[in-house]
């Protein structure tokens, strides 16, 4: 190749019916997510992983909702006794 050609030029030259094919160009529209931005999860799972690694008891912790309900029940019971 004497001159610099793109792959599209090569394909167009190789296909005799390339003049009849419709050409579609892609246009980049700005305004999307900022480059380099990575979404961070709302709650990191490090506590869960640490429990699996260090926990003496092999069972998993109850869910946050179950722990909240249990704590609310304990507080209500303590308030009734007082």
PDB file of N, CA and C in Angstrom:
ATOM      1  N   UNK A   1       0.842  -1.182   0.000  1.00  0.00           N
ATOM      2  CA  UNK A   1       0.000   0.000   0.000  1.00  0.00           C
ATOM      3  C   UNK A   1       0.882   1.239   0.000  1.00  0.00           C
ATOM      4  N   UNK A   2       0.704   2.045  -0.967  1.00  0.00           N
ATOM      5  CA  UNK A   2       1.522   3.242  -1.096  1.00  0.00           C
ATOM      6  C   UNK A   2       1.036   4.342  -0.169  1.00  0.00           C
ATOM      7  N   UNK A   3      -0.239   4.417   0.070  1.00  0.00           N
ATOM      8  CA  UNK A   3      -0.770   5.445   0.961  1.00  0.00           C
ATOM      9  C   UNK A   3      -1.433   4.772   2.157  1.00  0.00           C
ATOM     10  N   UNK A   4      -1.629   5.530   3.208  1.00  0.00           N
ATOM     11  CA  UNK A   4      -2.256   4.992   4.410  1.00  0.00           C
ATOM     12  C   UNK A   4      -3.751   4.877   4.173  1.00  0.00           C
ATOM     13  N   UNK A   5      -4.267   3.671   4.351  1.00  0.00           N
ATOM     14  CA  UNK A   5      -5.695   3.437   4.155  1.00  0.00           C
ATOM     15  C   UNK A   5      -6.274   2.815   5.413  1.00  0.00           C
ATOM     16  N   UNK A   6      -7.508   3.102   5.667  1.00  0.00           N
ATOM     17  CA  UNK A   6      -8.178   2.489   6.804  1.00  0.00           C
ATOM     18  C   UNK A   6      -8.761   1.157   6.379  1.00  0.00           C
ATOM     19  N   UNK A   7      -9.196   0.386   7.345  1.00  0.00           N
ATOM     20  CA  UNK A   7      -9.818  -0.907   7.049  1.00  0.00           C
ATOM     21  C   UNK A   7     -11.081  -0.711   6.223  1.00  0.00           C
ATOM     22  N   UNK A   8     -11.790   0.386   6.447  1.00  0.00           N
ATOM     23  CA  UNK A   8     -13.019   0.653   5.695  1.00  0.00           C
ATOM     24  C   UNK A   8     -12.698   0.895   4.220  1.00  0.00           C
ATOM     25  N   UNK A   9     -11.594   1.603   3.951  1.00  0.00           N
ATOM     26  CA  UNK A   9     -11.182   1.827   2.566  1.00  0.00           C
ATOM     27  C   UNK A   9     -10.838   0.504   1.899  1.00  0.00           C
ATOM     28  N   UNK A  10     -10.168  -0.387   2.653  1.00  0.00           N
ATOM     29  CA  UNK A  10      -9.799  -1.687   2.097  1.00  0.00           C
ATOM     30  C   UNK A  10     -11.037  -2.493   1.749  1.00  0.00           C
ATOM     31  N   UNK A  11     -12.029  -2.499   2.651  1.00  0.00           N
ATOM     32  CA  UNK A  11     -13.255  -3.256   2.395  1.00  0.00           C
ATOM     33  C   UNK A  11     -14.024  -2.663   1.224  1.00  0.00           C
ATOM     34  N   UNK A  12     -14.070  -1.353   1.170  1.00  0.00           N
ATOM     35  CA  UNK A  12     -14.816  -0.710   0.092  1.00  0.00           C
ATOM     36  C   UNK A  12     -14.169  -1.000  -1.252  1.00  0.00           C
ATOM     37  N   UNK A  13     -12.846  -1.066  -1.287  1.00  0.00           N
ATOM     38  CA  UNK A  13     -12.166  -1.372  -2.534  1.00  0.00           C
ATOM     39  C   UNK A  13     -12.311  -2.828  -2.918  1.00  0.00           C
ATOM     40  N   UNK A  14     -12.488  -3.721  -1.941  1.00  0.00           N
ATOM     41  CA  UNK A  14     -12.564  -5.150  -2.215  1.00  0.00           C
ATOM     42  C   UNK A  14     -13.943  -5.557  -2.701  1.00  0.00           C
ATOM     43  N   UNK A  15     -14.986  -4.834  -2.302  1.00  0.00           N
ATOM     44  CA  UNK A  15     -16.346  -5.194  -2.673  1.00  0.00           C
ATOM     45  C   UNK A  15     -16.800  -4.359  -3.867  1.00  0.00           C
ATOM     46  N   UNK A  16     -17.156  -4.983  -4.968  1.00  0.00           N
ATOM     47  CA  UNK A  16     -17.588  -4.198  -6.133  1.00  0.00           C
ATOM     48  C   UNK A  16     -18.922  -3.497  -5.920  1.00  0.00           C
ATOM     49  N   UNK A  17     -19.816  -4.052  -5.082  1.00  0.00           N
ATOM     50  CA  UNK A  17     -21.129  -3.431  -4.882  1.00  0.00           C
ATOM     51  C   UNK A  17     -21.119  -2.475  -3.694  1.00  0.00           C
ATOM     52  N   UNK A  18     -19.965  -2.062  -3.217  1.00  0.00           N
ATOM     53  CA  UNK A  18     -19.885  -1.208  -2.035  1.00  0.00           C
ATOM     54  C   UNK A  18     -20.533   0.152  -2.258  1.00  0.00           C
ATOM     55  N   UNK A  19     -20.639   0.605  -3.500  1.00  0.00           N
ATOM     56  CA  UNK A  19     -21.275   1.895  -3.763  1.00  0.00           C
ATOM     57  C   UNK A  19     -22.771   1.853  -3.480  1.00  0.00           C
ATOM     58  N   UNK A  20     -23.381   0.673  -3.582  1.00  0.00           N
ATOM     59  CA  UNK A  20     -24.817   0.570  -3.360  1.00  0.00           C
ATOM     60  C   UNK A  20     -25.172   0.366  -1.889  1.00  0.00           C
ATOM     61  N   UNK A  21     -24.180   0.057  -1.035  1.00  0.00           N
ATOM     62  CA  UNK A  21     -24.451  -0.146   0.388  1.00  0.00           C
ATOM     63  C   UNK A  21     -24.654   1.197   1.082  1.00  0.00           C
ATOM     64  N   UNK A  22     -25.663   1.294   1.972  1.00  0.00           N
ATOM     65  CA  UNK A  22     -25.853   2.550   2.700  1.00  0.00           C
ATOM     66  C   UNK A  22     -24.739   2.728   3.735  1.00  0.00           C
ATOM     67  N   UNK A  23     -24.316   3.944   3.940  1.00  0.00           N
ATOM     68  CA  UNK A  23     -23.282   4.240   4.929  1.00  0.00           C
ATOM     69  C   UNK A  23     -23.945   4.863   6.146  1.00  0.00           C
ATOM     70  N   UNK A  24     -23.539   4.388   7.297  1.00  0.00           N
ATOM     71  CA  UNK A  24     -24.069   4.920   8.552  1.00  0.00           C
ATOM     72  C   UNK A  24     -22.889   5.325   9.418  1.00  0.00           C
ATOM     73  N   UNK A  25     -22.890   6.546   9.872  1.00  0.00           N
ATOM     74  CA  UNK A  25     -21.828   7.042  10.731  1.00  0.00           C
ATOM     75  C   UNK A  25     -22.333   7.104  12.162  1.00  0.00           C
ATOM     76  N   UNK A  26     -21.439   6.828  13.110  1.00  0.00           N
ATOM     77  CA  UNK A  26     -21.761   6.935  14.526  1.00  0.00           C
ATOM     78  C   UNK A  26     -21.340   8.304  15.027  1.00  0.00           C
ATOM     79  N   UNK A  27     -22.187   8.911  15.837  1.00  0.00           N
ATOM     80  CA  UNK A  27     -21.902  10.226  16.388  1.00  0.00           C
ATOM     81  C   UNK A  27     -21.864  10.101  17.902  1.00  0.00           C
ATOM     82  N   UNK A  28     -20.827  10.632  18.524  1.00  0.00           N
ATOM     83  CA  UNK A  28     -20.703  10.613  19.978  1.00  0.00           C
ATOM     84  C   UNK A  28     -21.402  11.838  20.528  1.00  0.00           C
ATOM     85  N   UNK A  29     -22.340  11.618  21.438  1.00  0.00           N
ATOM     86  CA  UNK A  29     -23.078  12.706  22.069  1.00  0.00           C
ATOM     87  C   UNK A  29     -22.557  12.848  23.487  1.00  0.00           C
ATOM     88  N   UNK A  30     -22.029  14.007  23.808  1.00  0.00           N
ATOM     89  CA  UNK A  30     -21.501  14.214  25.153  1.00  0.00           C
ATOM     90  C   UNK A  30     -22.647  14.394  26.137  1.00  0.00           C
ATOM     91  N   UNK A  31     -22.317  14.308  27.415  1.00  0.00           N
ATOM     92  CA  UNK A  31     -23.329  14.487  28.445  1.00  0.00           C
ATOM     93  C   UNK A  31     -23.615  13.212  29.201  1.00  0.00           C
ATOM     94  N   UNK A  32     -22.909  12.158  28.909  1.00  0.00           N
ATOM     95  CA  UNK A  32     -23.082  10.902  29.628  1.00  0.00           C
ATOM     96  C   UNK A  32     -22.345  10.951  30.953  1.00  0.00           C
ATOM     97  N   UNK A  33     -22.060   9.801  31.472  1.00  0.00           N
ATOM     98  CA  UNK A  33     -21.338   9.706  32.737  1.00  0.00           C
ATOM     99  C   UNK A  33     -19.921  10.236  32.559  1.00  0.00           C
ATOM    100  N   UNK A  34     -19.408  10.844  33.597  1.00  0.00           N
ATOM    101  CA  UNK A  34     -18.051  11.381  33.541  1.00  0.00           C
ATOM    102  C   UNK A  34     -17.053  10.235  33.410  1.00  0.00           C
ATOM    103  N   UNK A  35     -16.032  10.403  32.599  1.00  0.00           N
ATOM    104  CA  UNK A  35     -15.053   9.322  32.455  1.00  0.00           C
ATOM    105  C   UNK A  35     -14.311   9.093  33.765  1.00  0.00           C
ATOM    106  N   UNK A  36     -14.075   7.860  34.083  1.00  0.00           N
ATOM    107  CA  UNK A  36     -13.374   7.522  35.310  1.00  0.00           C
ATOM    108  C   UNK A  36     -14.289   7.380  36.511  1.00  0.00           C
ATOM    109  N   UNK A  37     -15.559   7.713  36.377  1.00  0.00           N
ATOM    110  CA  UNK A  37     -16.494   7.595  37.497  1.00  0.00           C
ATOM    111  C   UNK A  37     -16.944   6.155  37.621  1.00  0.00           C
ATOM    112  N   UNK A  38     -16.763   5.587  38.788  1.00  0.00           N
ATOM    113  CA  UNK A  38     -17.222   4.227  39.044  1.00  0.00           C
ATOM    114  C   UNK A  38     -18.233   4.262  40.178  1.00  0.00           C
ATOM    115  N   UNK A  39     -19.417   3.721  39.974  1.00  0.00           N
ATOM    116  CA  UNK A  39     -20.400   3.717  41.064  1.00  0.00           C
ATOM    117  C   UNK A  39     -19.908   2.873  42.233  1.00  0.00           C
ATOM    118  N   UNK A  40     -20.133   3.367  43.430  1.00  0.00           N
ATOM    119  CA  UNK A  40     -19.729   2.668  44.646  1.00  0.00           C
ATOM    120  C   UNK A  40     -20.988   2.102  45.285  1.00  0.00           C
ATOM    121  N   UNK A  41     -20.963   0.839  45.704  1.00  0.00           N
ATOM    122  CA  UNK A  41     -22.159   0.268  46.329  1.00  0.00           C
ATOM    123  C   UNK A  41     -22.535   1.027  47.598  1.00  0.00           C
ATOM    124  N   UNK A  42     -23.828   1.049  47.894  1.00  0.00           N
ATOM    125  CA  UNK A  42     -24.324   1.773  49.062  1.00  0.00           C
ATOM    126  C   UNK A  42     -23.735   1.221  50.353  1.00  0.00           C
ATOM    127  N   UNK A  43     -23.653  -0.084  50.464  1.00  0.00           N
ATOM    128  CA  UNK A  43     -23.086  -0.717  51.658  1.00  0.00           C
ATOM    129  C   UNK A  43     -21.981  -1.674  51.227  1.00  0.00           C
ATOM    130  N   UNK A  44     -20.767  -1.422  51.640  1.00  0.00           N
ATOM    131  CA  UNK A  44     -19.702  -2.358  51.273  1.00  0.00           C
ATOM    132  C   UNK A  44     -19.902  -3.691  51.975  1.00  0.00           C
ATOM    133  N   UNK A  45     -19.451  -4.737  51.363  1.00  0.00           N
ATOM    134  CA  UNK A  45     -19.616  -6.075  51.915  1.00  0.00           C
ATOM    135  C   UNK A  45     -18.422  -6.504  52.753  1.00  0.00           C
ATOM    136  N   UNK A  46     -17.585  -5.564  53.169  1.00  0.00           N
ATOM    137  CA  UNK A  46     -16.382  -5.933  53.908  1.00  0.00           C
ATOM    138  C   UNK A  46     -16.721  -6.581  55.249  1.00  0.00           C
ATOM    139  N   UNK A  47     -17.768  -6.122  55.922  1.00  0.00           N
ATOM    140  CA  UNK A  47     -18.155  -6.744  57.189  1.00  0.00           C
ATOM    141  C   UNK A  47     -18.567  -8.185  57.004  1.00  0.00           C
ATOM    142  N   UNK A  48     -19.297  -8.443  55.945  1.00  0.00           N
ATOM    143  CA  UNK A  48     -19.732  -9.800  55.631  1.00  0.00           C
ATOM    144  C   UNK A  48     -18.528 -10.695  55.366  1.00  0.00           C
ATOM    145  N   UNK A  49     -17.590 -10.203  54.566  1.00  0.00           N
ATOM    146  CA  UNK A  49     -16.407 -10.999  54.255  1.00  0.00           C
ATOM    147  C   UNK A  49     -15.534 -11.205  55.480  1.00  0.00           C
ATOM    148  N   UNK A  50     -15.390 -10.167  56.310  1.00  0.00           N
ATOM    149  CA  UNK A  50     -14.585 -10.304  57.522  1.00  0.00           C
ATOM    150  C   UNK A  50     -15.201 -11.338  58.454  1.00  0.00           C
ATOM    151  N   UNK A  51     -16.521 -11.373  58.537  1.00  0.00           N
ATOM    152  CA  UNK A  51     -17.173 -12.359  59.392  1.00  0.00           C
ATOM    153  C   UNK A  51     -16.909 -13.769  58.885  1.00  0.00           C
ATOM    154  N   UNK A  52     -16.949 -13.947  57.584  1.00  0.00           N
ATOM    155  CA  UNK A  52     -16.685 -15.273  57.034  1.00  0.00           C
ATOM    156  C   UNK A  52     -15.257 -15.721  57.307  1.00  0.00           C
ATOM    157  N   UNK A  53     -14.331 -14.768  57.299  1.00  0.00           N
ATOM    158  CA  UNK A  53     -12.927 -15.117  57.491  1.00  0.00           C
ATOM    159  C   UNK A  53     -12.604 -15.349  58.961  1.00  0.00           C
ATOM    160  N   UNK A  54     -13.094 -14.488  59.872  1.00  0.00           N
ATOM    161  CA  UNK A  54     -12.675 -14.521  61.265  1.00  0.00           C
ATOM    162  C   UNK A  54     -13.676 -15.139  62.226  1.00  0.00           C
ATOM    163  N   UNK A  55     -14.888 -15.312  61.831  1.00  0.00           N
ATOM    164  CA  UNK A  55     -15.918 -15.769  62.752  1.00  0.00           C
ATOM    165  C   UNK A  55     -15.625 -17.166  63.280  1.00  0.00           C
ATOM    166  N   UNK A  56     -15.821 -17.322  64.590  1.00  0.00           N
ATOM    167  CA  UNK A  56     -15.655 -18.630  65.214  1.00  0.00           C
ATOM    168  C   UNK A  56     -16.845 -19.507  64.864  1.00  0.00           C
ATOM    169  N   UNK A  57     -18.009 -18.873  64.841  1.00  0.00           N
ATOM    170  CA  UNK A  57     -19.235 -19.594  64.519  1.00  0.00           C
ATOM    171  C   UNK A  57     -19.407 -19.627  62.998  1.00  0.00           C
ATOM    172  N   UNK A  58     -19.624 -20.802  62.425  1.00  0.00           N
ATOM    173  CA  UNK A  58     -19.691 -20.886  60.966  1.00  0.00           C
ATOM    174  C   UNK A  58     -20.991 -20.366  60.351  1.00  0.00           C
ATOM    175  N   UNK A  59     -21.987 -20.026  61.170  1.00  0.00           N
ATOM    176  CA  UNK A  59     -23.249 -19.537  60.610  1.00  0.00           C
ATOM    177  C   UNK A  59     -23.121 -18.062  60.248  1.00  0.00           C
ATOM    178  N   UNK A  60     -23.945 -17.623  59.343  1.00  0.00           N
ATOM    179  CA  UNK A  60     -23.921 -16.230  58.915  1.00  0.00           C
ATOM    180  C   UNK A  60     -24.739 -15.362  59.860  1.00  0.00           C
ATOM    181  N   UNK A  61     -24.424 -14.077  59.901  1.00  0.00           N
ATOM    182  CA  UNK A  61     -25.184 -13.147  60.731  1.00  0.00           C
ATOM    183  C   UNK A  61     -26.585 -12.992  60.170  1.00  0.00           C
ATOM    184  N   UNK A  62     -27.553 -12.708  61.042  1.00  0.00           N
ATOM    185  CA  UNK A  62     -28.902 -12.419  60.540  1.00  0.00           C
ATOM    186  C   UNK A  62     -28.881 -11.138  59.702  1.00  0.00           C
ATOM    187  N   UNK A  63     -29.895 -10.977  58.894  1.00  0.00           N
ATOM    188  CA  UNK A  63     -29.959  -9.795  58.035  1.00  0.00           C
ATOM    189  C   UNK A  63     -30.134  -8.537  58.881  1.00  0.00           C
ATOM    190  N   UNK A  64     -29.885  -7.396  58.266  1.00  0.00           N
ATOM    191  CA  UNK A  64     -30.014  -6.118  58.966  1.00  0.00           C
ATOM    192  C   UNK A  64     -31.442  -5.926  59.471  1.00  0.00           C
ATOM    193  N   UNK A  65     -32.425  -6.322  58.682  1.00  0.00           N
ATOM    194  CA  UNK A  65     -33.824  -6.172  59.086  1.00  0.00           C
ATOM    195  C   UNK A  65     -34.125  -7.023  60.321  1.00  0.00           C
ATOM    196  N   UNK A  66     -33.633  -8.252  60.333  1.00  0.00           N
ATOM    197  CA  UNK A  66     -33.856  -9.120  61.498  1.00  0.00           C
ATOM    198  C   UNK A  66     -33.171  -8.566  62.740  1.00  0.00           C
ATOM    199  N   UNK A  67     -31.953  -8.054  62.590  1.00  0.00           N
ATOM    200  CA  UNK A  67     -31.247  -7.477  63.745  1.00  0.00           C
ATOM    201  C   UNK A  67     -31.960  -6.232  64.253  1.00  0.00           C
ATOM    202  N   UNK A  68     -32.509  -5.429  63.348  1.00  0.00           N
ATOM    203  CA  UNK A  68     -33.242  -4.226  63.755  1.00  0.00           C
ATOM    204  C   UNK A  68     -34.500  -4.601  64.523  1.00  0.00           C
ATOM    205  N   UNK A  69     -35.233  -5.583  64.023  1.00  0.00           N
ATOM    206  CA  UNK A  69     -36.452  -6.033  64.719  1.00  0.00           C
ATOM    207  C   UNK A  69     -36.121  -6.591  66.101  1.00  0.00           C
ATOM    208  N   UNK A  70     -35.057  -7.375  66.183  1.00  0.00           N
ATOM    209  CA  UNK A  70     -34.655  -7.960  67.462  1.00  0.00           C
ATOM    210  C   UNK A  70     -34.268  -6.865  68.457  1.00  0.00           C
ATOM    211  N   UNK A  71     -33.502  -5.876  68.001  1.00  0.00           N
ATOM    212  CA  UNK A  71     -33.097  -4.779  68.880  1.00  0.00           C
ATOM    213  C   UNK A  71     -34.306  -3.968  69.327  1.00  0.00           C
ATOM    214  N   UNK A  72     -35.246  -3.711  68.416  1.00  0.00           N
ATOM    215  CA  UNK A  72     -36.452  -2.957  68.778  1.00  0.00           C
ATOM    216  C   UNK A  72     -37.270  -3.716  69.813  1.00  0.00           C
ATOM    217  N   UNK A  73     -37.355  -5.029  69.664  1.00  0.00           N
ATOM    218  CA  UNK A  73     -38.094  -5.836  70.642  1.00  0.00           C
ATOM    219  C   UNK A  73     -37.403  -5.797  72.006  1.00  0.00           C
ATOM    220  N   UNK A  74     -36.069  -5.854  72.017  1.00  0.00           N
ATOM    221  CA  UNK A  74     -35.345  -5.777  73.295  1.00  0.00           C
ATOM    222  C   UNK A  74     -35.537  -4.422  73.959  1.00  0.00           C
ATOM    223  N   UNK A  75     -35.480  -3.342  73.182  1.00  0.00           N
ATOM    224  CA  UNK A  75     -35.684  -2.006  73.738  1.00  0.00           C
ATOM    225  C   UNK A  75     -37.099  -1.856  74.277  1.00  0.00           C
ATOM    226  N   UNK A  76     -38.077  -2.393  73.572  1.00  0.00           N
ATOM    227  CA  UNK A  76     -39.465  -2.308  74.035  1.00  0.00           C
ATOM    228  C   UNK A  76     -39.645  -3.090  75.335  1.00  0.00           C
ATOM    229  N   UNK A  77     -39.021  -4.257  75.414  1.00  0.00           N
ATOM    230  CA  UNK A  77     -39.101  -5.067  76.639  1.00  0.00           C
ATOM    231  C   UNK A  77     -38.435  -4.346  77.808  1.00  0.00           C
ATOM    232  N   UNK A  78     -37.297  -3.724  77.561  1.00  0.00           N
ATOM    233  CA  UNK A  78     -36.606  -2.975  78.623  1.00  0.00           C
ATOM    234  C   UNK A  78     -37.433  -1.770  79.054  1.00  0.00           C
ATOM    235  N   UNK A  79     -38.129  -1.132  78.131  1.00  0.00           N
ATOM    236  CA  UNK A  79     -38.963   0.022  78.471  1.00  0.00           C
ATOM    237  C   UNK A  79     -40.165  -0.404  79.304  1.00  0.00           C
ATOM    238  N   UNK A  80     -40.726  -1.585  79.026  1.00  0.00           N
ATOM    239  CA  UNK A  80     -41.864  -2.079  79.813  1.00  0.00           C
ATOM    240  C   UNK A  80     -41.455  -2.406  81.240  1.00  0.00           C
ATOM    241  N   UNK A  81     -40.251  -2.916  81.418  1.00  0.00           N
ATOM    242  CA  UNK A  81     -39.767  -3.273  82.758  1.00  0.00           C
ATOM    243  C   UNK A  81     -39.480  -2.030  83.592  1.00  0.00           C
ATOM    244  N   UNK A  82     -39.100  -0.949  82.948  1.00  0.00           N
ATOM    245  CA  UNK A  82     -38.711   0.255  83.693  1.00  0.00           C
ATOM    246  C   UNK A  82     -39.885   1.042  84.163  1.00  0.00           C
TER     247      UNK A  82
END
